[in-house]
PDB file of N, CA and C in Angstrom:
ATOM      1  N   MET A   1       0.832  -1.209   0.016  1.00  0.00           N
ATOM      2  CA  MET A   1       0.002   0.033   0.037  1.00  0.00           C
ATOM      3  C   MET A   1       0.830   1.244  -0.009  1.00  0.00           C
ATOM      4  N   TRP A   2       2.122   1.190   0.474  1.00  0.00           N
ATOM      5  CA  TRP A   2       2.999   2.347   0.516  1.00  0.00           C
ATOM      6  C   TRP A   2       4.237   2.089  -0.285  1.00  0.00           C
ATOM      7  N   ASP A   3       4.104   1.208  -1.317  1.00  0.00           N
ATOM      8  CA  ASP A   3       5.243   0.860  -2.193  1.00  0.00           C
ATOM      9  C   ASP A   3       5.208   1.791  -3.368  1.00  0.00           C
ATOM     10  N   ASP A   4       6.208   2.740  -3.372  1.00  0.00           N
ATOM     11  CA  ASP A   4       6.233   3.736  -4.429  1.00  0.00           C
ATOM     12  C   ASP A   4       6.458   3.188  -5.852  1.00  0.00           C
ATOM     13  N   THR A   5       6.954   1.914  -5.895  1.00  0.00           N
ATOM     14  CA  THR A   5       7.147   1.294  -7.158  1.00  0.00           C
ATOM     15  C   THR A   5       5.865   0.738  -7.720  1.00  0.00           C
ATOM     16  N   VAL A   6       4.807   0.591  -6.876  1.00  0.00           N
ATOM     17  CA  VAL A   6       3.446   0.059  -7.321  1.00  0.00           C
ATOM     18  C   VAL A   6       2.356   1.147  -7.289  1.00  0.00           C
ATOM     19  N   VAL A   7       2.466   1.921  -6.225  1.00  0.00           N
ATOM     20  CA  VAL A   7       1.404   2.981  -5.980  1.00  0.00           C
ATOM     21  C   VAL A   7       1.986   4.414  -6.221  1.00  0.00           C
ATOM     22  N   GLU A   8       1.379   5.102  -7.072  1.00  0.00           N
ATOM     23  CA  GLU A   8       1.919   6.482  -7.331  1.00  0.00           C
ATOM     24  C   GLU A   8       1.614   7.307  -6.123  1.00  0.00           C
ATOM     25  N   ARG A   9       2.585   8.148  -5.682  1.00  0.00           N
ATOM     26  CA  ARG A   9       2.495   9.040  -4.509  1.00  0.00           C
ATOM     27  C   ARG A   9       1.971   8.289  -3.302  1.00  0.00           C
ATOM     28  N   ALA A  10       2.641   7.138  -2.982  1.00  0.00           N
ATOM     29  CA  ALA A  10       2.119   6.254  -1.916  1.00  0.00           C
ATOM     30  C   ALA A  10       2.033   6.897  -0.567  1.00  0.00           C
ATOM     31  N   ASP A  11       2.841   7.907  -0.305  1.00  0.00           N
ATOM     32  CA  ASP A  11       2.802   8.528   1.080  1.00  0.00           C
ATOM     33  C   ASP A  11       1.783   9.671   1.156  1.00  0.00           C
ATOM     34  N   ASP A  12       1.227  10.077   0.072  1.00  0.00           N
ATOM     35  CA  ASP A  12       0.264  11.155   0.066  1.00  0.00           C
ATOM     36  C   ASP A  12      -1.162  10.727   0.497  1.00  0.00           C
ATOM     37  N   PHE A  13      -1.861  11.524   1.248  1.00  0.00           N
ATOM     38  CA  PHE A  13      -3.295  11.292   1.484  1.00  0.00           C
ATOM     39  C   PHE A  13      -4.070  11.651   0.259  1.00  0.00           C
ATOM     40  N   ARG A  14      -4.791  10.696  -0.323  1.00  0.00           N
ATOM     41  CA  ARG A  14      -5.489  10.924  -1.539  1.00  0.00           C
ATOM     42  C   ARG A  14      -6.848  10.106  -1.488  1.00  0.00           C
ATOM     43  N   PRO A  15      -7.879  10.782  -1.164  1.00  0.00           N
ATOM     44  CA  PRO A  15      -9.188  10.100  -1.027  1.00  0.00           C
ATOM     45  C   PRO A  15      -9.678   9.377  -2.302  1.00  0.00           C
ATOM     46  N   ASN A  16      -9.150   9.854  -3.452  1.00  0.00           N
ATOM     47  CA  ASN A  16      -9.506   9.229  -4.730  1.00  0.00           C
ATOM     48  C   ASN A  16      -8.616   8.138  -5.180  1.00  0.00           C
ATOM     49  N   ARG A  17      -7.726   7.613  -4.337  1.00  0.00           N
ATOM     50  CA  ARG A  17      -6.766   6.576  -4.650  1.00  0.00           C
ATOM     51  C   ARG A  17      -7.521   5.319  -5.087  1.00  0.00           C
ATOM     52  N   PRO A  18      -7.171   4.678  -6.129  1.00  0.00           N
ATOM     53  CA  PRO A  18      -7.893   3.401  -6.564  1.00  0.00           C
ATOM     54  C   PRO A  18      -7.966   2.387  -5.476  1.00  0.00           C
ATOM     55  N   SER A  19      -9.105   1.722  -5.378  1.00  0.00           N
ATOM     56  CA  SER A  19      -9.217   0.745  -4.300  1.00  0.00           C
ATOM     57  C   SER A  19      -8.236  -0.459  -4.385  1.00  0.00           C
ATOM     58  N   PHE A  20      -7.704  -0.745  -5.585  1.00  0.00           N
ATOM     59  CA  PHE A  20      -6.773  -1.899  -5.654  1.00  0.00           C
ATOM     60  C   PHE A  20      -5.461  -1.651  -4.861  1.00  0.00           C
ATOM     61  N   CYS A  21      -5.291  -0.344  -4.504  1.00  0.00           N
ATOM     62  CA  CYS A  21      -4.056   0.012  -3.810  1.00  0.00           C
ATOM     63  C   CYS A  21      -4.139  -0.429  -2.294  1.00  0.00           C
ATOM     64  N   TYR A  22      -5.287  -0.713  -1.832  1.00  0.00           N
ATOM     65  CA  TYR A  22      -5.488  -1.057  -0.430  1.00  0.00           C
ATOM     66  C   TYR A  22      -5.609  -2.532  -0.163  1.00  0.00           C
ATOM     67  N   LEU A  23      -5.010  -2.986   0.941  1.00  0.00           N
ATOM     68  CA  LEU A  23      -5.053  -4.359   1.317  1.00  0.00           C
ATOM     69  C   LEU A  23      -5.806  -4.610   2.572  1.00  0.00           C
ATOM     70  N   HIS A  24      -6.549  -3.593   3.088  1.00  0.00           N
ATOM     71  CA  HIS A  24      -7.307  -3.727   4.393  1.00  0.00           C
ATOM     72  C   HIS A  24      -8.265  -4.879   4.320  1.00  0.00           C
ATOM     73  N   PHE A  25      -8.846  -5.157   3.200  1.00  0.00           N
ATOM     74  CA  PHE A  25      -9.842  -6.203   3.120  1.00  0.00           C
ATOM     75  C   PHE A  25      -9.297  -7.514   2.494  1.00  0.00           C
ATOM     76  N   GLY A  26      -8.000  -7.657   2.455  1.00  0.00           N
ATOM     77  CA  GLY A  26      -7.409  -8.820   1.855  1.00  0.00           C
ATOM     78  C   GLY A  26      -7.138  -8.688   0.417  1.00  0.00           C
ATOM     79  N   PRO A  27      -6.276  -9.582  -0.122  1.00  0.00           N
ATOM     80  CA  PRO A  27      -6.087  -9.591  -1.559  1.00  0.00           C
ATOM     81  C   PRO A  27      -7.297 -10.104  -2.344  1.00  0.00           C
ATOM     82  N   VAL A  28      -7.272  -9.870  -3.654  1.00  0.00           N
ATOM     83  CA  VAL A  28      -8.434 -10.185  -4.465  1.00  0.00           C
ATOM     84  C   VAL A  28      -8.979 -11.625  -4.286  1.00  0.00           C
ATOM     85  N   ASP A  29      -8.090 -12.610  -4.318  1.00  0.00           N
ATOM     86  CA  ASP A  29      -8.533 -13.997  -4.133  1.00  0.00           C
ATOM     87  C   ASP A  29      -9.130 -14.351  -2.827  1.00  0.00           C
ATOM     88  N   HIS A  30      -8.795 -13.587  -1.814  1.00  0.00           N
ATOM     89  CA  HIS A  30      -9.228 -13.853  -0.427  1.00  0.00           C
ATOM     90  C   HIS A  30      -9.806 -12.613   0.213  1.00  0.00           C
ATOM     91  N   GLU A  31     -10.641 -11.908  -0.552  1.00  0.00           N
ATOM     92  CA  GLU A  31     -11.189 -10.629  -0.129  1.00  0.00           C
ATOM     93  C   GLU A  31     -12.253 -10.889   1.032  1.00  0.00           C
ATOM     94  N   CYS A  32     -12.295  -9.985   1.951  1.00  0.00           N
ATOM     95  CA  CYS A  32     -13.184 -10.030   3.096  1.00  0.00           C
ATOM     96  C   CYS A  32     -14.619  -9.993   2.578  1.00  0.00           C
ATOM     97  N   LEU A  33     -15.492 -10.938   3.132  1.00  0.00           N
ATOM     98  CA  LEU A  33     -16.850 -10.954   2.798  1.00  0.00           C
ATOM     99  C   LEU A  33     -17.646  -9.734   3.217  1.00  0.00           C
ATOM    100  N   GLY A  34     -17.159  -9.008   4.218  1.00  0.00           N
ATOM    101  CA  GLY A  34     -17.814  -7.854   4.666  1.00  0.00           C
ATOM    102  C   GLY A  34     -17.381  -6.556   4.103  1.00  0.00           C
ATOM    103  N   ARG A  35     -16.582  -6.642   3.032  1.00  0.00           N
ATOM    104  CA  ARG A  35     -16.055  -5.463   2.391  1.00  0.00           C
ATOM    105  C   ARG A  35     -17.113  -4.419   2.056  1.00  0.00           C
ATOM    106  N   GLN A  36     -18.184  -4.870   1.320  1.00  0.00           N
ATOM    107  CA  GLN A  36     -19.135  -3.903   0.867  1.00  0.00           C
ATOM    108  C   GLN A  36     -19.874  -3.257   2.030  1.00  0.00           C
ATOM    109  N   VAL A  37     -20.181  -3.983   3.059  1.00  0.00           N
ATOM    110  CA  VAL A  37     -20.755  -3.372   4.236  1.00  0.00           C
ATOM    111  C   VAL A  37     -19.873  -2.405   4.897  1.00  0.00           C
ATOM    112  N   ALA A  38     -18.615  -2.845   5.118  1.00  0.00           N
ATOM    113  CA  ALA A  38     -17.603  -1.924   5.774  1.00  0.00           C
ATOM    114  C   ALA A  38     -17.365  -0.635   5.054  1.00  0.00           C
ATOM    115  N   GLU A  39     -17.414  -0.759   3.715  1.00  0.00           N
ATOM    116  CA  GLU A  39     -17.152   0.464   2.907  1.00  0.00           C
ATOM    117  C   GLU A  39     -18.255   1.555   3.021  1.00  0.00           C
ATOM    118  N   VAL A  40     -19.418   1.064   3.487  1.00  0.00           N
ATOM    119  CA  VAL A  40     -20.521   2.006   3.739  1.00  0.00           C
ATOM    120  C   VAL A  40     -20.546   2.448   5.178  1.00  0.00           C
ATOM    121  N   MET A  41     -20.361   1.425   6.083  1.00  0.00           N
ATOM    122  CA  MET A  41     -20.559   1.661   7.494  1.00  0.00           C
ATOM    123  C   MET A  41     -19.415   2.455   8.115  1.00  0.00           C
ATOM    124  N   VAL A  42     -18.126   2.195   7.755  1.00  0.00           N
ATOM    125  CA  VAL A  42     -17.048   2.923   8.367  1.00  0.00           C
ATOM    126  C   VAL A  42     -17.128   4.458   8.106  1.00  0.00           C
ATOM    127  N   PRO A  43     -17.241   4.802   6.858  1.00  0.00           N
ATOM    128  CA  PRO A  43     -17.414   6.323   6.598  1.00  0.00           C
ATOM    129  C   PRO A  43     -18.563   6.924   7.406  1.00  0.00           C
ATOM    130  N   GLU A  44     -19.685   6.148   7.451  1.00  0.00           N
ATOM    131  CA  GLU A  44     -20.850   6.674   8.125  1.00  0.00           C
ATOM    132  C   GLU A  44     -20.629   6.853   9.552  1.00  0.00           C
ATOM    133  N   MET A  45     -19.930   5.915  10.225  1.00  0.00           N
ATOM    134  CA  MET A  45     -19.625   5.980  11.671  1.00  0.00           C
ATOM    135  C   MET A  45     -18.726   7.166  11.930  1.00  0.00           C
ATOM    136  N   ILE A  46     -17.713   7.396  11.084  1.00  0.00           N
ATOM    137  CA  ILE A  46     -16.832   8.492  11.204  1.00  0.00           C
ATOM    138  C   ILE A  46     -17.556   9.780  11.062  1.00  0.00           C
ATOM    139  N   ARG A  47     -18.491   9.889  10.065  1.00  0.00           N
ATOM    140  CA  ARG A  47     -19.339  11.095   9.813  1.00  0.00           C
ATOM    141  C   ARG A  47     -20.085  11.446  11.072  1.00  0.00           C
ATOM    142  N   VAL A  48     -20.721  10.433  11.706  1.00  0.00           N
ATOM    143  CA  VAL A  48     -21.501  10.738  12.885  1.00  0.00           C
ATOM    144  C   VAL A  48     -20.631  11.196  13.977  1.00  0.00           C
ATOM    145  N   LEU A  49     -19.480  10.570  14.206  1.00  0.00           N
ATOM    146  CA  LEU A  49     -18.574  11.033  15.266  1.00  0.00           C
ATOM    147  C   LEU A  49     -18.129  12.399  15.000  1.00  0.00           C
ATOM    148  N   LEU A  50     -17.827  12.810  13.793  1.00  0.00           N
ATOM    149  CA  LEU A  50     -17.382  14.175  13.494  1.00  0.00           C
ATOM    150  C   LEU A  50     -18.518  15.129  13.764  1.00  0.00           C
ATOM    151  N   LEU A  51     -19.726  14.781  13.369  1.00  0.00           N
ATOM    152  CA  LEU A  51     -20.885  15.662  13.574  1.00  0.00           C
ATOM    153  C   LEU A  51     -21.201  15.911  15.063  1.00  0.00           C
ATOM    154  N   ARG A  52     -20.862  14.851  15.874  1.00  0.00           N
ATOM    155  CA  ARG A  52     -21.068  14.959  17.329  1.00  0.00           C
ATOM    156  C   ARG A  52     -19.926  15.594  18.029  1.00  0.00           C
ATOM    157  N   ASN A  53     -18.938  16.124  17.292  1.00  0.00           N
ATOM    158  CA  ASN A  53     -17.754  16.736  17.880  1.00  0.00           C
ATOM    159  C   ASN A  53     -17.050  15.781  18.788  1.00  0.00           C
ATOM    160  N   ALA A  54     -16.803  14.575  18.344  1.00  0.00           N
ATOM    161  CA  ALA A  54     -16.109  13.540  19.104  1.00  0.00           C
ATOM    162  C   ALA A  54     -14.686  14.046  19.411  1.00  0.00           C
ATOM    163  N   SER A  55     -14.187  13.762  20.558  1.00  0.00           N
ATOM    164  CA  SER A  55     -12.808  14.086  20.918  1.00  0.00           C
ATOM    165  C   SER A  55     -12.190  12.957  21.769  1.00  0.00           C
ATOM    166  N   LEU A  56     -10.919  12.950  21.715  1.00  0.00           N
ATOM    167  CA  LEU A  56     -10.145  12.009  22.549  1.00  0.00           C
ATOM    168  C   LEU A  56     -10.189  12.334  23.990  1.00  0.00           C
ATOM    169  N   ILE A  57     -10.327  11.414  24.842  1.00  0.00           N
ATOM    170  CA  ILE A  57     -10.374  11.707  26.342  1.00  0.00           C
ATOM    171  C   ILE A  57      -8.921  11.624  26.828  1.00  0.00           C
ATOM    172  N   PRO A  58      -8.431  12.713  27.464  1.00  0.00           N
ATOM    173  CA  PRO A  58      -7.101  12.772  27.996  1.00  0.00           C
ATOM    174  C   PRO A  58      -6.858  11.463  28.877  1.00  0.00           C
ATOM    175  N   GLY A  59      -5.686  10.876  28.648  1.00  0.00           N
ATOM    176  CA  GLY A  59      -5.345   9.649  29.362  1.00  0.00           C
ATOM    177  C   GLY A  59      -5.935   8.420  28.727  1.00  0.00           C
ATOM    178  N   GLU A  60      -6.977   8.523  28.060  1.00  0.00           N
ATOM    179  CA  GLU A  60      -7.606   7.357  27.311  1.00  0.00           C
ATOM    180  C   GLU A  60      -7.243   7.402  25.840  1.00  0.00           C
ATOM    181  N   ALA A  61      -6.704   8.534  25.353  1.00  0.00           N
ATOM    182  CA  ALA A  61      -6.445   8.733  23.947  1.00  0.00           C
ATOM    183  C   ALA A  61      -5.458   7.663  23.351  1.00  0.00           C
ATOM    184  N   VAL A  62      -4.576   7.242  24.141  1.00  0.00           N
ATOM    185  CA  VAL A  62      -3.563   6.287  23.641  1.00  0.00           C
ATOM    186  C   VAL A  62      -3.949   4.851  24.127  1.00  0.00           C
ATOM    187  N   ALA A  63      -5.061   4.739  24.766  1.00  0.00           N
ATOM    188  CA  ALA A  63      -5.475   3.433  25.358  1.00  0.00           C
ATOM    189  C   ALA A  63      -6.298   2.632  24.367  1.00  0.00           C
ATOM    190  N   ILE A  64      -5.809   2.364  23.249  1.00  0.00           N
ATOM    191  CA  ILE A  64      -6.476   1.486  22.300  1.00  0.00           C
ATOM    192  C   ILE A  64      -6.237   0.092  22.692  1.00  0.00           C
ATOM    193  N   ASP A  65      -7.319  -0.627  22.928  1.00  0.00           N
ATOM    194  CA  ASP A  65      -7.185  -1.990  23.505  1.00  0.00           C
ATOM    195  C   ASP A  65      -6.835  -2.984  22.378  1.00  0.00           C
ATOM    196  N   LEU A  66      -5.644  -3.498  22.444  1.00  0.00           N
ATOM    197  CA  LEU A  66      -5.159  -4.495  21.481  1.00  0.00           C
ATOM    198  C   LEU A  66      -4.960  -5.870  22.155  1.00  0.00           C
ATOM    199  N   GLN A  67      -5.575  -6.085  23.279  1.00  0.00           N
ATOM    200  CA  GLN A  67      -5.409  -7.318  24.042  1.00  0.00           C
ATOM    201  C   GLN A  67      -5.762  -8.566  23.196  1.00  0.00           C
ATOM    202  N   GLY A  68      -6.736  -8.487  22.271  1.00  0.00           N
ATOM    203  CA  GLY A  68      -7.147  -9.603  21.534  1.00  0.00           C
ATOM    204  C   GLY A  68      -6.373  -9.953  20.312  1.00  0.00           C
ATOM    205  N   GLY A  69      -5.309  -9.223  20.137  1.00  0.00           N
ATOM    206  CA  GLY A  69      -4.443  -9.480  18.963  1.00  0.00           C
ATOM    207  C   GLY A  69      -4.156  -8.210  18.156  1.00  0.00           C
ATOM    208  N   PRO A  70      -3.970  -8.293  16.910  1.00  0.00           N
ATOM    209  CA  PRO A  70      -3.530  -7.143  16.149  1.00  0.00           C
ATOM    210  C   PRO A  70      -4.679  -6.039  15.804  1.00  0.00           C
ATOM    211  N   PHE A  71      -5.889  -6.470  16.106  1.00  0.00           N
ATOM    212  CA  PHE A  71      -6.995  -5.591  15.831  1.00  0.00           C
ATOM    213  C   PHE A  71      -7.586  -4.901  17.084  1.00  0.00           C
ATOM    214  N   PRO A  72      -7.910  -3.586  17.055  1.00  0.00           N
ATOM    215  CA  PRO A  72      -8.366  -2.911  18.227  1.00  0.00           C
ATOM    216  C   PRO A  72      -9.748  -3.569  18.725  1.00  0.00           C
ATOM    217  N   GLU A  73      -9.827  -3.665  20.031  1.00  0.00           N
ATOM    218  CA  GLU A  73     -11.062  -4.101  20.646  1.00  0.00           C
ATOM    219  C   GLU A  73     -11.977  -2.910  21.001  1.00  0.00           C
ATOM    220  N   SER A  74     -11.311  -1.762  21.294  1.00  0.00           N
ATOM    221  CA  SER A  74     -12.098  -0.558  21.685  1.00  0.00           C
ATOM    222  C   SER A  74     -11.262   0.711  21.424  1.00  0.00           C
ATOM    223  N   PHE A  75     -11.954   1.815  21.271  1.00  0.00           N
ATOM    224  CA  PHE A  75     -11.263   3.124  21.130  1.00  0.00           C
ATOM    225  C   PHE A  75     -12.253   4.128  21.810  1.00  0.00           C
ATOM    226  N   VAL A  76     -11.810   4.697  22.938  1.00  0.00           N
ATOM    227  CA  VAL A  76     -12.718   5.549  23.712  1.00  0.00           C
ATOM    228  C   VAL A  76     -12.703   7.009  23.192  1.00  0.00           C
ATOM    229  N   VAL A  77     -13.900   7.574  22.980  1.00  0.00           N
ATOM    230  CA  VAL A  77     -13.991   8.963  22.609  1.00  0.00           C
ATOM    231  C   VAL A  77     -15.057   9.663  23.461  1.00  0.00           C
ATOM    232  N   HIS A  78     -15.009  10.967  23.523  1.00  0.00           N
ATOM    233  CA  HIS A  78     -16.018  11.709  24.298  1.00  0.00           C
ATOM    234  C   HIS A  78     -16.942  12.421  23.236  1.00  0.00           C
ATOM    235  N   LEU A  79     -18.231  12.358  23.426  1.00  0.00           N
ATOM    236  CA  LEU A  79     -19.141  12.983  22.565  1.00  0.00           C
ATOM    237  C   LEU A  79     -19.760  14.141  23.292  1.00  0.00           C
ATOM    238  N   ASP A  80     -19.757  15.319  22.601  1.00  0.00           N
ATOM    239  CA  ASP A  80     -20.461  16.529  23.210  1.00  0.00           C
ATOM    240  C   ASP A  80     -21.948  16.264  23.165  1.00  0.00           C
ATOM    241  N   ALA A  81     -22.617  16.734  24.264  1.00  0.00           N
ATOM    242  CA  ALA A  81     -24.099  16.625  24.389  1.00  0.00           C
ATOM    243  C   ALA A  81     -24.719  17.545  23.477  1.00  0.00           C
ATOM    244  N   HIS A  82     -25.820  17.185  22.846  1.00  0.00           N
ATOM    245  CA  HIS A  82     -26.547  18.122  21.954  1.00  0.00           C
ATOM    246  C   HIS A  82     -27.651  18.750  22.745  1.00  0.00           C
TER     247      HIS A  82
END
Protein backbone atom coordinates (compact mmCIF):
# COMPACT_ATOMS: atom_id res chain seq x y z
CA MET A 1 0.00 0.00 0.00
CA TRP A 2 2.96 2.33 0.53
CA ASP A 3 5.22 0.90 -2.16
CA ASP A 4 6.25 3.77 -4.45
CA THR A 5 7.14 1.28 -7.19
CA VAL A 6 3.51 0.08 -7.32
CA VAL A 7 1.40 2.97 -6.00
CA GLU A 8 1.83 6.48 -7.35
CA ARG A 9 2.51 9.02 -4.54
CA ALA A 10 2.13 6.25 -1.95
CA ASP A 11 2.80 8.52 1.06
CA ASP A 12 0.23 11.16 0.07
CA PHE A 13 -3.30 11.29 1.48
CA ARG A 14 -5.51 10.89 -1.59
CA PRO A 15 -9.21 10.10 -1.03
CA ASN A 16 -9.55 9.22 -4.73
CA ARG A 17 -6.79 6.59 -4.65
CA PRO A 18 -7.90 3.46 -6.56
CA SER A 19 -9.25 0.71 -4.29
CA PHE A 20 -6.79 -1.88 -5.66
CA CYS A 21 -4.05 0.01 -3.78
CA TYR A 22 -5.48 -1.03 -0.40
CA LEU A 23 -5.06 -4.38 1.31
CA HIS A 24 -7.27 -3.73 4.36
CA PHE A 25 -9.85 -6.20 3.10
CA GLY A 26 -7.37 -8.80 1.87
CA PRO A 27 -6.05 -9.58 -1.58
CA VAL A 28 -8.42 -10.19 -4.50
CA ASP A 29 -8.54 -13.99 -4.18
CA HIS A 30 -9.21 -13.84 -0.43
CA GLU A 31 -11.23 -10.66 -0.12
CA CYS A 32 -13.20 -10.06 3.09
CA LEU A 33 -16.88 -10.97 2.76
CA GLY A 34 -17.83 -7.84 4.72
CA ARG A 35 -16.04 -5.42 2.41
CA GLN A 36 -19.17 -3.92 0.84
CA VAL A 37 -20.79 -3.40 4.25
CA ALA A 38 -17.63 -1.91 5.76
CA GLU A 39 -17.14 0.50 2.84
CA VAL A 40 -20.53 2.03 3.71
CA MET A 41 -20.54 1.65 7.50
CA VAL A 42 -17.05 2.92 8.40
CA PRO A 43 -17.38 6.31 6.64
CA GLU A 44 -20.88 6.71 8.12
CA MET A 45 -19.63 5.99 11.65
CA ILE A 46 -16.84 8.52 11.23
CA ARG A 47 -19.29 11.08 9.81
CA VAL A 48 -21.54 10.71 12.87
CA LEU A 49 -18.59 11.02 15.25
CA LEU A 50 -17.41 14.18 13.52
CA LEU A 51 -20.91 15.68 13.56
CA ARG A 52 -21.11 14.97 17.31
CA ASN A 53 -17.76 16.73 17.89
CA ALA A 54 -16.09 13.55 19.11
CA SER A 55 -12.82 14.10 20.92
CA LEU A 56 -10.19 11.96 22.55
CA ILE A 57 -10.34 11.68 26.33
CA PRO A 58 -7.08 12.74 28.01
CA GLY A 59 -5.36 9.66 29.37
CA GLU A 60 -7.61 7.39 27.30
CA ALA A 61 -6.43 8.72 23.92
CA VAL A 62 -3.61 6.26 23.61
CA ALA A 63 -5.46 3.44 25.35
CA ILE A 64 -6.49 1.52 22.27
CA ASP A 65 -7.20 -2.02 23.49
CA LEU A 66 -5.15 -4.50 21.46
CA GLN A 67 -5.40 -7.32 24.01
CA GLY A 68 -7.19 -9.62 21.57
CA GLY A 69 -4.48 -9.49 18.91
CA PRO A 70 -3.55 -7.11 16.12
CA PHE A 71 -7.03 -5.59 15.82
CA PRO A 72 -8.38 -2.95 18.23
CA GLU A 73 -11.09 -4.09 20.63
CA SER A 74 -12.09 -0.57 21.67
CA PHE A 75 -11.26 3.10 21.17
CA VAL A 76 -12.73 5.53 23.70
CA VAL A 77 -13.97 8.96 22.60
CA HIS A 78 -16.00 11.72 24.27
CA LEU A 79 -19.18 13.00 22.55
CA ASP A 80 -20.45 16.52 23.20
CA ALA A 81 -24.07 16.58 24.39
CA HIS A 82 -26.55 18.12 21.98
